Amino acid sequence: MTNQAILIINAAIVNEGKILEEDLLIKNGRIDRIGKEISPPEGAEVIDARGKLLLPGLIDDQVHFREPGLTHKGGIRSESMAAIAGGVTSFMDMPNVNPPTLTRELLSQKYEIAKDKAYANFAFYMGSSNSNIHEIESLQPGEACGVKIFMGASTGNLLVDDDNALDQIFAKSPVLIVTHCEDTPTIERNMEAVSTKYNGNIPIDEHPNIRSVDACYKSSSKAVNLAKKHGSKLHVLHLTTAKEMELFEAGDHEKKITAEVCVHHLYFNDNAYDELGSMVVCNPAIKTKEDQNALIDALKEDRIDIIATDHAPHTVDEKAKEYPDCPSGIPLVQHSLLALLELSSQKDIPIETIVKKTSHAVSDRYGIMDRGYIREGYWADLVLVDPNGKHEVTPESIIYECGWSPFQGHCFDSSIEMTFVNGTKVFESGKILGEPMGKRLDFKG
C-alpha cells in the first residue's frame, strides 16, 4: 500500500496563493507530477476529486500530545490519529510532559516513542528552565524543532522567570525560540484581587481578566525586546490581544520575529464562557470580541504569520473541576481545519490565506524539508476536503483519548474526505486506515 501510485484527478488544488484544477500523481511517497490530464501508471489507484479541494496537509507547530507521563489525557497514537482525521499531517509536540523534556537524552527518548506510534510526521521541542542552558547550547541541527520558553505560569520547573537565564537563552540558543508569553506576577496580583472580590468563588468569565491583556503584553513585549537585543530567531505563540499586534510587523517578508494565533482564539470570544464554561478555559485566555476581530485583521495583514491549535487534552472529570482548579487546555487537532474553513466564509479570510498560515508559512519558518507545499518532488502530505460535505461532531466521531470537543453538537459545512501522509492514504470517509506511517521531520541546516 505504501508504494502504490495514486492519481488524483480534477482536484481544485489550493497552493501558493492560487486555486487551479489539475491532476496530481503520487509515486514512492512523493508528488511525482502535477498537471492536466495525467495518464495513470499501471496499477495506480485513481481518485476523481471533482468538486473537492486538495490542500497541503496542515503542519501544527504547537500540540500537547501528553506522552510520556500524562497518557490518561492523550498519547502520541490517539492524538495523531485525531490529527490525520482533521487533515493535520505533521505536528510539533511541546516539552511539558512527565518528565519535562529538559535534556537531549529525554528529547531522544520522545523520538523513540513516536517512531512506532505517530500516524502523522513529528518533531519535538526542547524545554527550557532557569538552569538547562548547557543542554540548549548543545543542541545539534535537526535535533529539536525549537526551544520552548514558558515566560508565564507553567508546571514543574519549565517556567523561566530568572532574567539572567532568559538573557542567556536568547543569546545562545542555536535553534528557533518559541515563547508562551504571560507575566506571572501580574496574573498573581489579578488572581488575588478577583478572589477577594468574590470571596474565593471566582466565576469562570473572570479568567480573561486574571490572565489579562496587560499580563500578555508585558511578557510578549519583553520577549520581542530580548530577541531584538540579541538578534534571536523568535516565534511568539498563541497571541490573544489587540494590543500585542503592535509588536509585530505587517507584510509578507522574511522576519526574524514572527507571530502566531490559535484556532480557538480566532473562533471564540469571551461569550463562549457562558455556553461552554470550563471547557474553553485555556492559557492564554480567550478574550473579547474586539480582540478576536483584531487577530483576524492581523492575520489578513500578515502581522500574524502562522495558525496553530495548541491542542491540549484533559479528561472530562479534570475539566469539570471548579475554577480555578480546572486545568487549562482544549483538544482541537481533529476539527481545526473545519473550523478555519468555516471562519474563511464567515470572516472573509481567503482559503489561500488559511493554507499559507497552516502549511506554507510553518514550513518556511521552521525550515522543514520538502513539506508544506504541493510541489513536484515534495512528500505527498495532502488533505482532500469536500466543501459541501457536512460534518457533525458527535461523541462517536471524536477520536481524542479524552473523548470530548468544544465543537460537540456543531455541524460544519465541510468535511475531511481523505488524508495522505508520505504518499499513503491514512484516512478516508471517517475511518483511520492502516498502522502509523509518520516520519521524523527533517530540517534545513
Protein backbone atom coordinates (compact mmCIF):
# COMPACT_ATOMS: atom_id res chain seq x y z
CA MET A 1 0.00 0.00 0.00
CA THR A 2 2.85 2.37 0.83
CA ASN A 3 4.40 2.34 -2.64
CA GLN A 4 1.21 2.18 -4.69
CA ALA A 5 0.92 5.01 -7.18
CA ILE A 6 -2.12 7.24 -6.64
CA LEU A 7 -3.53 9.61 -9.25
CA ILE A 8 -5.87 12.34 -8.02
CA ILE A 9 -7.74 13.88 -10.94
CA ASN A 10 -9.87 17.01 -11.37
CA ALA A 11 -8.96 18.43 -7.96
CA ALA A 12 -9.11 22.14 -7.14
CA ILE A 13 -5.56 22.42 -5.80
CA VAL A 14 -5.11 25.26 -3.30
CA ASN A 15 -1.43 26.11 -3.19
CA GLU A 16 0.87 29.14 -3.14
CA GLY A 17 -1.88 31.71 -3.44
CA LYS A 18 -3.74 30.05 -6.32
CA ILE A 19 -6.57 27.59 -6.91
CA LEU A 20 -6.05 25.52 -10.05
CA GLU A 21 -7.93 22.47 -11.29
CA GLU A 22 -5.23 19.93 -12.04
CA ASP A 23 -4.29 16.30 -11.60
CA LEU A 24 -1.65 15.12 -9.14
CA LEU A 25 0.33 11.88 -9.28
CA ILE A 26 1.82 10.32 -6.15
CA LYS A 27 4.67 7.82 -6.54
CA ASN A 28 7.01 6.40 -3.92
CA GLY A 29 5.59 8.64 -1.23
CA ARG A 30 6.18 11.90 -3.07
CA ILE A 31 4.39 14.19 -5.51
CA ASP A 32 5.65 12.92 -8.84
CA ARG A 33 3.77 15.20 -11.20
CA ILE A 34 1.18 17.99 -11.24
CA GLY A 35 -0.59 18.89 -14.47
CA LYS A 36 -3.51 18.44 -16.81
CA GLU A 37 -4.81 15.04 -17.91
CA ILE A 38 -2.05 12.89 -16.40
CA SER A 39 -2.24 9.26 -17.53
CA PRO A 40 -2.36 6.79 -14.63
CA PRO A 41 0.56 4.37 -14.34
CA GLU A 42 -0.29 0.68 -14.43
CA GLY A 43 -1.86 -0.44 -11.15
CA ALA A 44 -2.38 3.10 -9.86
CA GLU A 45 -5.40 4.00 -7.75
CA VAL A 46 -7.35 6.77 -9.45
CA ILE A 47 -9.33 9.20 -7.29
CA ASP A 48 -11.76 11.55 -9.03
CA ALA A 49 -11.74 14.70 -6.86
CA ARG A 50 -14.05 16.85 -8.98
CA GLY A 51 -15.72 19.43 -6.76
CA LYS A 52 -13.20 18.82 -3.97
CA LEU A 53 -10.34 20.93 -2.61
CA LEU A 54 -6.85 19.45 -2.39
CA LEU A 55 -4.69 21.20 0.19
CA PRO A 56 -1.22 20.61 1.59
CA GLY A 57 -1.56 18.81 4.90
CA LEU A 58 -1.56 21.11 7.90
CA ILE A 59 1.66 21.39 9.92
CA ASP A 60 0.63 22.09 13.50
CA ASP A 61 3.60 23.63 15.28
CA GLN A 62 2.01 23.59 18.74
CA VAL A 63 0.46 20.49 20.27
CA HIS A 64 0.49 18.74 23.63
CA PHE A 65 0.12 15.03 22.93
CA ARG A 66 0.84 14.22 26.62
CA GLU A 67 3.40 11.46 26.18
CA PRO A 68 5.29 10.41 28.22
CA GLY A 69 3.75 10.52 31.66
CA LEU A 70 0.29 12.01 31.08
CA THR A 71 -1.25 9.43 28.79
CA HIS A 72 -4.57 9.27 30.67
CA LYS A 73 -5.25 12.58 28.84
CA GLY A 74 -3.89 11.56 25.44
CA GLY A 75 -0.96 9.94 23.73
CA ILE A 76 1.01 10.16 20.51
CA ARG A 77 -1.00 7.34 18.93
CA SER A 78 -4.50 8.58 19.83
CA GLU A 79 -3.86 12.26 19.21
CA SER A 80 -2.02 11.73 15.91
CA MET A 81 -4.96 9.62 14.76
CA ALA A 82 -7.23 12.56 15.56
CA ALA A 83 -4.77 14.83 13.75
CA ILE A 84 -4.90 12.96 10.44
CA ALA A 85 -8.70 12.80 10.70
CA GLY A 86 -8.54 16.60 10.74
CA GLY A 87 -6.07 16.98 7.86
CA VAL A 88 -3.05 17.62 10.10
CA THR A 89 -0.18 15.63 8.58
CA SER A 90 2.72 16.89 10.74
CA PHE A 91 2.93 18.04 14.34
CA MET A 92 5.46 19.56 16.74
CA ASP A 93 4.97 18.50 20.33
CA MET A 94 5.66 20.54 23.45
CA PRO A 95 8.01 19.65 26.35
CA ASN A 96 5.61 19.89 29.32
CA VAL A 97 5.25 16.15 29.76
CA ASN A 98 6.43 13.96 32.64
CA PRO A 99 9.36 14.14 32.97
CA PRO A 100 9.69 17.53 31.22
CA THR A 101 11.84 17.45 28.09
CA LEU A 102 14.76 19.40 29.52
CA THR A 103 17.68 17.29 28.27
CA ARG A 104 18.84 15.97 24.92
CA GLU A 105 18.51 12.43 26.29
CA LEU A 106 14.83 12.94 27.13
CA LEU A 107 14.34 14.53 23.71
CA SER A 108 15.83 11.46 22.05
CA GLN A 109 13.51 9.22 24.09
CA LYS A 110 10.45 11.06 22.76
CA TYR A 111 11.56 10.41 19.18
CA GLU A 112 11.93 6.71 20.01
CA ILE A 113 8.39 6.63 21.40
CA ALA A 114 6.94 8.41 18.36
CA LYS A 115 8.53 6.33 15.62
CA ASP A 116 6.15 3.41 16.26
CA LYS A 117 3.07 5.39 17.32
CA ALA A 118 2.74 8.51 15.17
CA TYR A 119 0.23 8.50 12.32
CA ALA A 120 1.47 11.96 11.32
CA ASN A 121 5.01 13.26 10.86
CA PHE A 122 6.59 14.60 14.02
CA ALA A 123 9.17 16.77 15.74
CA PHE A 124 9.71 17.78 19.35
CA TYR A 125 10.75 20.89 21.26
CA MET A 126 13.43 21.13 23.89
CA GLY A 127 12.11 22.69 27.06
CA SER A 128 13.86 25.44 28.97
CA SER A 129 14.35 26.15 32.66
CA ASN A 130 16.38 28.51 34.79
CA SER A 131 19.24 26.01 34.75
CA ASN A 132 19.46 24.00 31.50
CA ILE A 133 21.26 26.47 29.23
CA HIS A 134 24.07 23.92 28.65
CA GLU A 135 21.58 21.42 27.21
CA ILE A 136 20.13 24.11 24.94
CA GLU A 137 23.56 25.24 23.72
CA SER A 138 24.44 21.61 22.91
CA LEU A 139 21.50 21.07 20.54
CA GLN A 140 22.51 19.82 17.13
CA PRO A 141 20.83 20.82 13.84
CA GLY A 142 17.54 18.98 13.44
CA GLU A 143 17.58 17.61 16.98
CA ALA A 144 14.72 19.86 18.10
CA CYS A 145 12.29 21.97 16.09
CA GLY A 146 12.81 24.75 18.62
CA VAL A 147 13.35 25.73 22.24
CA LYS A 148 10.16 26.42 24.19
CA ILE A 149 10.23 29.12 26.87
CA PHE A 150 7.29 29.40 29.24
CA MET A 151 7.53 33.10 30.09
CA GLY A 152 4.49 32.73 32.30
CA ALA A 153 2.79 30.24 34.58
CA SER A 154 3.58 26.61 33.87
CA THR A 155 4.08 23.34 35.71
CA GLY A 156 7.18 21.94 37.37
CA ASN A 157 10.44 23.71 36.56
CA LEU A 158 9.57 24.71 32.98
CA LEU A 159 8.85 28.31 33.99
CA VAL A 160 11.79 30.57 33.14
CA ASP A 161 11.45 33.56 35.46
CA ASP A 162 15.12 34.39 36.03
CA ASP A 163 16.13 37.36 33.88
CA ASN A 164 19.73 36.19 33.54
CA ALA A 165 18.59 32.74 32.39
CA LEU A 166 16.24 34.34 29.84
CA ASP A 167 19.04 36.54 28.55
CA GLN A 168 21.33 33.53 28.17
CA ILE A 169 18.74 31.51 26.24
CA PHE A 170 18.00 34.37 23.84
CA ALA A 171 21.73 34.96 23.35
CA LYS A 172 22.83 31.35 22.89
CA SER A 173 20.00 29.18 21.54
CA PRO A 174 21.17 27.59 18.27
CA VAL A 175 17.57 26.97 17.16
CA LEU A 176 14.34 28.93 16.90
CA ILE A 177 12.98 30.19 20.23
CA VAL A 178 9.23 29.89 20.77
CA THR A 179 7.52 31.53 23.72
CA HIS A 180 4.39 31.30 25.82
CA CYS A 181 4.07 34.90 26.99
CA GLU A 182 2.15 35.75 30.15
CA ASP A 183 3.58 37.67 33.11
CA THR A 184 3.23 35.58 36.28
CA PRO A 185 3.39 38.40 38.88
CA THR A 186 0.61 40.27 37.04
CA ILE A 187 -1.53 37.12 36.95
CA GLU A 188 -0.96 36.51 40.65
CA ARG A 189 -1.97 40.06 41.58
CA ASN A 190 -5.09 39.81 39.42
CA MET A 191 -5.98 36.45 40.96
CA GLU A 192 -5.66 37.82 44.48
CA ALA A 193 -7.84 40.85 43.68
CA VAL A 194 -10.55 38.80 41.96
CA SER A 195 -10.54 36.15 44.68
CA THR A 196 -11.04 38.83 47.31
CA LYS A 197 -13.86 40.40 45.29
CA TYR A 198 -15.77 37.12 45.02
CA ASN A 199 -14.73 35.69 48.39
CA GLY A 200 -12.94 32.83 46.65
CA ASN A 201 -15.88 31.80 44.46
CA ILE A 202 -14.47 33.09 41.19
CA PRO A 203 -16.75 32.93 38.13
CA ILE A 204 -15.19 31.42 35.02
CA ASP A 205 -15.73 34.55 32.95
CA GLU A 206 -13.10 36.28 35.14
CA HIS A 207 -10.44 34.05 33.56
CA PRO A 208 -9.52 36.57 30.82
CA ASN A 209 -9.38 39.35 33.42
CA ILE A 210 -6.98 37.34 35.58
CA ARG A 211 -4.81 36.30 32.65
CA SER A 212 -5.22 39.80 31.33
CA VAL A 213 -4.22 41.89 28.35
CA ASP A 214 -1.53 43.55 30.46
CA ALA A 215 -0.17 40.17 31.59
CA CYS A 216 0.15 39.10 27.96
CA TYR A 217 1.56 42.37 26.64
CA LYS A 218 4.15 42.76 29.39
CA SER A 219 5.56 39.32 28.65
CA SER A 220 5.34 39.34 24.85
CA SER A 221 6.94 42.79 24.62
CA LYS A 222 9.74 41.53 26.86
CA ALA A 223 10.32 38.57 24.53
CA VAL A 224 10.38 40.80 21.46
CA ASN A 225 12.84 43.19 23.11
CA LEU A 226 15.15 40.34 24.10
CA ALA A 227 15.07 38.97 20.55
CA LYS A 228 15.92 42.39 19.13
CA LYS A 229 18.74 42.81 21.67
CA HIS A 230 20.38 39.52 20.71
CA GLY A 231 19.29 39.17 17.08
CA SER A 232 17.47 35.96 18.04
CA LYS A 233 15.05 34.00 15.89
CA LEU A 234 11.79 34.28 17.84
CA HIS A 235 8.30 32.91 17.25
CA VAL A 236 5.65 34.13 19.72
CA LEU A 237 2.93 31.55 20.22
CA HIS A 238 -0.87 31.89 20.71
CA LEU A 239 -1.31 35.66 20.79
CA THR A 240 -4.69 36.79 22.09
CA THR A 241 -4.90 40.58 22.30
CA ALA A 242 -5.32 43.56 20.02
CA LYS A 243 -2.63 45.41 21.97
CA GLU A 244 0.03 42.81 21.19
CA MET A 245 -0.44 43.25 17.44
CA GLU A 246 1.58 46.48 17.54
CA LEU A 247 4.66 44.42 18.42
CA PHE A 248 4.76 42.65 15.05
CA GLU A 249 5.50 43.82 11.55
CA ALA A 250 2.85 43.77 8.86
CA GLY A 251 3.58 42.37 5.43
CA ASP A 252 4.77 39.14 3.91
CA HIS A 253 8.55 39.22 4.05
CA GLU A 254 11.31 37.38 5.83
CA LYS A 255 11.20 38.21 9.54
CA LYS A 256 13.39 37.21 12.47
CA ILE A 257 10.43 37.73 14.82
CA THR A 258 7.15 36.05 13.87
CA ALA A 259 3.72 35.73 15.44
CA GLU A 260 1.11 33.02 15.82
CA VAL A 261 -2.59 32.76 16.60
CA CYS A 262 -4.54 29.65 17.56
CA VAL A 263 -7.78 28.39 16.09
CA HIS A 264 -9.78 28.85 19.29
CA HIS A 265 -8.74 32.48 19.68
CA LEU A 266 -9.95 33.15 16.14
CA TYR A 267 -13.16 31.13 16.51
CA PHE A 268 -14.32 32.01 20.04
CA ASN A 269 -14.57 35.14 22.16
CA ASP A 270 -15.47 35.67 25.81
CA ASN A 271 -19.15 34.96 25.11
CA ALA A 272 -18.12 31.30 24.94
CA TYR A 273 -17.64 31.13 28.72
CA ASP A 274 -21.42 31.41 29.17
CA GLU A 275 -22.12 28.39 26.96
CA LEU A 276 -19.06 26.19 27.38
CA GLY A 277 -17.69 27.20 30.77
CA SER A 278 -14.51 25.42 31.83
CA MET A 279 -14.32 23.58 28.50
CA VAL A 280 -12.91 26.75 26.89
CA VAL A 281 -10.59 27.70 29.75
CA CYS A 282 -7.12 27.91 28.24
CA ASN A 283 -3.90 29.84 28.67
CA PRO A 284 -3.59 32.49 27.34
CA ALA A 285 -7.28 33.09 27.82
CA ILE A 286 -9.90 33.60 25.13
CA LYS A 287 -10.63 37.31 25.30
CA THR A 288 -13.10 39.88 23.92
CA LYS A 289 -14.80 40.12 20.56
CA GLU A 290 -12.68 43.21 19.86
CA ASP A 291 -9.53 41.17 20.48
CA GLN A 292 -10.88 38.36 18.30
CA ASN A 293 -11.54 40.77 15.42
CA ALA A 294 -8.09 42.34 15.82
CA LEU A 295 -6.49 38.91 15.48
CA ILE A 296 -8.44 38.23 12.30
CA ASP A 297 -7.41 41.61 10.88
CA ALA A 298 -3.76 40.96 11.80
CA LEU A 299 -3.96 37.62 10.04
CA LYS A 300 -5.07 39.33 6.84
CA GLU A 301 -2.33 41.97 7.21
CA ASP A 302 0.39 39.33 7.70
CA ARG A 303 1.22 40.59 11.17
CA ILE A 304 0.33 37.06 12.23
CA ASP A 305 2.34 34.50 10.30
CA ILE A 306 1.10 31.09 11.48
CA ILE A 307 -2.11 29.46 12.71
CA ALA A 308 -1.82 26.50 15.12
CA THR A 309 -4.02 24.70 17.64
CA ASP A 310 -2.21 24.42 20.99
CA HIS A 311 -4.10 21.09 21.17
CA ALA A 312 -4.19 20.30 24.90
CA PRO A 313 -6.48 17.47 26.02
CA HIS A 314 -7.67 16.93 29.59
CA THR A 315 -10.23 14.42 30.83
CA VAL A 316 -13.84 15.44 31.27
CA ASP A 317 -13.53 14.95 35.04
CA GLU A 318 -10.50 17.22 35.18
CA LYS A 319 -12.22 19.95 33.17
CA ALA A 320 -15.35 19.68 35.36
CA LYS A 321 -13.50 20.93 38.44
CA GLU A 322 -14.43 24.32 39.89
CA TYR A 323 -12.48 27.33 38.64
CA PRO A 324 -9.56 27.90 39.07
CA ASP A 325 -8.83 24.21 39.75
CA CYS A 326 -9.99 23.14 36.28
CA PRO A 327 -6.91 22.69 34.05
CA SER A 328 -6.38 24.93 31.04
CA GLY A 329 -6.39 23.50 27.54
CA ILE A 330 -8.65 22.45 24.65
CA PRO A 331 -8.45 19.46 22.26
CA LEU A 332 -8.54 20.83 18.70
CA VAL A 333 -6.50 18.96 16.06
CA GLN A 334 -9.40 16.91 14.71
CA HIS A 335 -11.53 19.94 13.86
CA SER A 336 -9.08 22.79 13.35
CA LEU A 337 -9.25 22.81 9.54
CA LEU A 338 -13.04 22.57 9.52
CA ALA A 339 -13.26 25.49 11.97
CA LEU A 340 -10.89 27.53 9.82
CA LEU A 341 -12.87 26.80 6.66
CA GLU A 342 -15.99 27.99 8.47
CA LEU A 343 -14.17 31.17 9.52
CA SER A 344 -12.97 31.60 5.95
CA SER A 345 -16.52 32.10 4.75
CA GLN A 346 -17.81 33.96 7.81
CA LYS A 347 -14.91 36.40 8.23
CA ASP A 348 -13.84 36.79 4.60
CA ILE A 349 -10.48 35.07 5.09
CA PRO A 350 -9.37 33.66 1.72
CA ILE A 351 -8.82 29.92 1.78
CA GLU A 352 -5.43 30.61 0.19
CA THR A 353 -4.56 32.52 3.39
CA ILE A 354 -5.65 29.58 5.54
CA VAL A 355 -3.36 27.28 3.55
CA LYS A 356 -0.48 29.73 3.76
CA LYS A 357 -0.74 30.14 7.53
CA THR A 358 -1.20 26.45 8.36
CA SER A 359 1.26 24.91 5.89
CA HIS A 360 3.47 27.15 3.75
CA ALA A 361 4.50 29.59 6.49
CA VAL A 362 5.16 26.84 9.02
CA SER A 363 7.48 25.06 6.60
CA ASP A 364 9.28 28.30 5.84
CA ARG A 365 9.62 29.48 9.45
CA TYR A 366 10.95 26.20 10.79
CA GLY A 367 12.95 25.26 7.70
CA ILE A 368 11.16 21.96 7.17
CA MET A 369 12.48 19.89 4.28
CA ASP A 370 10.15 19.03 1.38
CA ARG A 371 6.83 19.62 3.14
CA GLY A 372 4.19 22.32 3.47
CA TYR A 373 3.66 22.90 -0.26
CA ILE A 374 2.12 20.99 -3.15
CA ARG A 375 5.24 20.78 -5.33
CA GLU A 376 6.73 18.09 -7.51
CA GLY A 377 9.35 16.21 -5.51
CA TYR A 378 7.85 17.10 -2.12
CA TRP A 379 6.43 14.48 0.22
CA ALA A 380 2.78 13.83 -0.57
CA ASP A 381 1.23 15.16 2.64
CA LEU A 382 -2.23 16.13 1.43
CA VAL A 383 -5.81 16.59 2.57
CA LEU A 384 -8.85 16.28 0.33
CA VAL A 385 -11.77 18.41 1.50
CA ASP A 386 -15.40 18.20 0.45
CA PRO A 387 -16.54 21.85 0.74
CA ASN A 388 -20.19 20.77 0.65
CA GLY A 389 -19.97 17.64 2.80
CA LYS A 390 -21.35 18.47 6.21
CA HIS A 391 -19.67 17.05 9.30
CA GLU A 392 -21.47 16.86 12.63
CA VAL A 393 -19.25 16.50 15.69
CA THR A 394 -20.75 13.62 17.67
CA PRO A 395 -19.31 11.71 20.66
CA GLU A 396 -18.89 8.69 18.38
CA SER A 397 -16.85 10.65 15.84
CA ILE A 398 -14.36 12.11 18.36
CA ILE A 399 -11.02 10.28 18.28
CA TYR A 400 -9.23 12.07 21.14
CA GLU A 401 -8.36 9.92 24.15
CA CYS A 402 -10.19 12.46 26.33
CA GLY A 403 -13.38 11.87 24.32
CA TRP A 404 -14.73 15.42 24.11
CA SER A 405 -14.54 18.51 21.94
CA PRO A 406 -15.69 22.12 22.35
CA PHE A 407 -17.38 21.65 18.97
CA GLN A 408 -19.52 18.71 20.10
CA GLY A 409 -23.02 19.06 18.63
CA HIS A 410 -21.84 21.53 16.00
CA CYS A 411 -22.27 20.77 12.29
CA PHE A 412 -19.55 22.07 9.98
CA ASP A 413 -20.39 22.86 6.36
CA SER A 414 -17.37 20.95 5.03
CA SER A 415 -15.72 17.63 5.77
CA ILE A 416 -12.35 15.92 5.53
CA GLU A 417 -12.69 13.21 2.89
CA MET A 418 -9.14 11.85 2.72
CA THR A 419 -5.74 12.48 4.26
CA PHE A 420 -2.42 11.34 2.80
CA VAL A 421 0.81 11.11 4.82
CA ASN A 422 4.04 10.41 2.97
CA GLY A 423 2.03 9.34 -0.07
CA THR A 424 -0.12 6.82 1.78
CA LYS A 425 -3.85 7.25 2.25
CA VAL A 426 -4.23 7.13 6.03
CA PHE A 427 -7.78 8.45 6.48
CA GLU A 428 -10.90 8.12 4.34
CA SER A 429 -14.59 8.81 4.98
CA GLY A 430 -14.32 8.88 8.74
CA LYS A 431 -12.01 5.88 9.13
CA ILE A 432 -8.34 5.58 10.07
CA LEU A 433 -6.52 3.28 7.63
CA GLY A 434 -3.55 1.06 8.39
CA GLU A 435 -0.87 1.50 11.01
CA PRO A 436 1.31 4.51 11.96
CA MET A 437 3.25 5.86 8.98
CA GLY A 438 4.61 9.14 10.36
CA LYS A 439 8.24 10.11 9.81
CA ARG A 440 10.55 12.34 11.79
CA LEU A 441 10.59 15.79 10.22
CA ASP A 442 13.84 16.86 8.57
CA PHE A 443 15.03 20.45 8.92
CA LYS A 444 17.37 22.55 6.84
CA GLY A 445 20.74 23.12 8.46
